[in-house]
């Protein structure tokens, strides 16, 4: 008496065959189509009558990505190797694509991130502040100038966090004259254009937008001494470097970190005097009173351009001030800690 095989064994063998086909197909770079179907984008012709495939399942035509990946990976490895030819020994580089690790040079080595952290700062600034946002520096007073142009009181210079307020004397000292910046002298022009001819009081700098911590506690003191970063302030004129405030249009013969608030106010005073505006008082620091009236203002570059400057010139001062602005906008305080949390 003839007996048929148990259906379970037939099903098991069918499943085994199907699994082998799928695994082999996956190793070749793509899913295996059902009988009579061509994979999307394979360029294969429709199946012939009777269900026979005109392009075999194991044809190389079905795995163009696999064929392209190997030479592309080799070319990428060669390019990275060329770029790293002069790199120091403590360099690590990892390149992945779709989960594949193509390049791995000391990828598991722990190293200080250095300026690559600016990428995170820039992304956070663009998202939290907005790419079109501008940081405004304001000249304000509690009194209005009279008909004769006399401002009978103090003029407040209120910093808005612009990290790129430069005068001509500072700009000529930059290594790259194409480095973007905001011409601080334009603010003096606008104060004069507002009809101010004399200020009987002082020029007072206000950097209350951020805290008054001029650096980062973990920095070596050499960073500022070597001009790698300025004295951090919401009122940041010429990086807070002394030697320029009395003659803003001339390069400084001696550049030292100073009090950015006083230097910013003193720089504005010098620019106003050069434009024929008499200033009876000196320059100092002081917070603008509530309700002070804006006389003139100066907008920074858009945040997108400030971020670009930070990245292209690896500008540490810009990075730190953007961090404080992030803290003020998203973290409730213009501090480094609040900015890092944001």
Foldseek 3Di string as FASTA:
>chain_A
DDDDDDPVVVVVVVVVVVVVLQVVLVVLPDGFDDQQDDDPPLPFDGQDPPRHGPADRPDNSNHVVVVVVVVVLVVVQVVVCVVCVPPDPPDWDWDDDPRRTSDTDPVVDDDDPPLVVLVVLLVLLCVQVNQQDWFKWFWWAQDDQDPQQEAEEEIETEFRLAQFAADQQLLVPDPDNPQDGFDNLVQLVLLVVLRHQEYAEAYAYHQQQADQQQDDVPDDPVCQVVVLAARATSQQYSSQWPQCLQPVNHHGPDTHHDRSRQSSSSNSQNSNVVVNRHYNYYYYHDHHDPPIGTSGMTIIGGSNSLSVSCVVVVRPHSSQSSLLVCLVRPVVHSDNVSSVVD
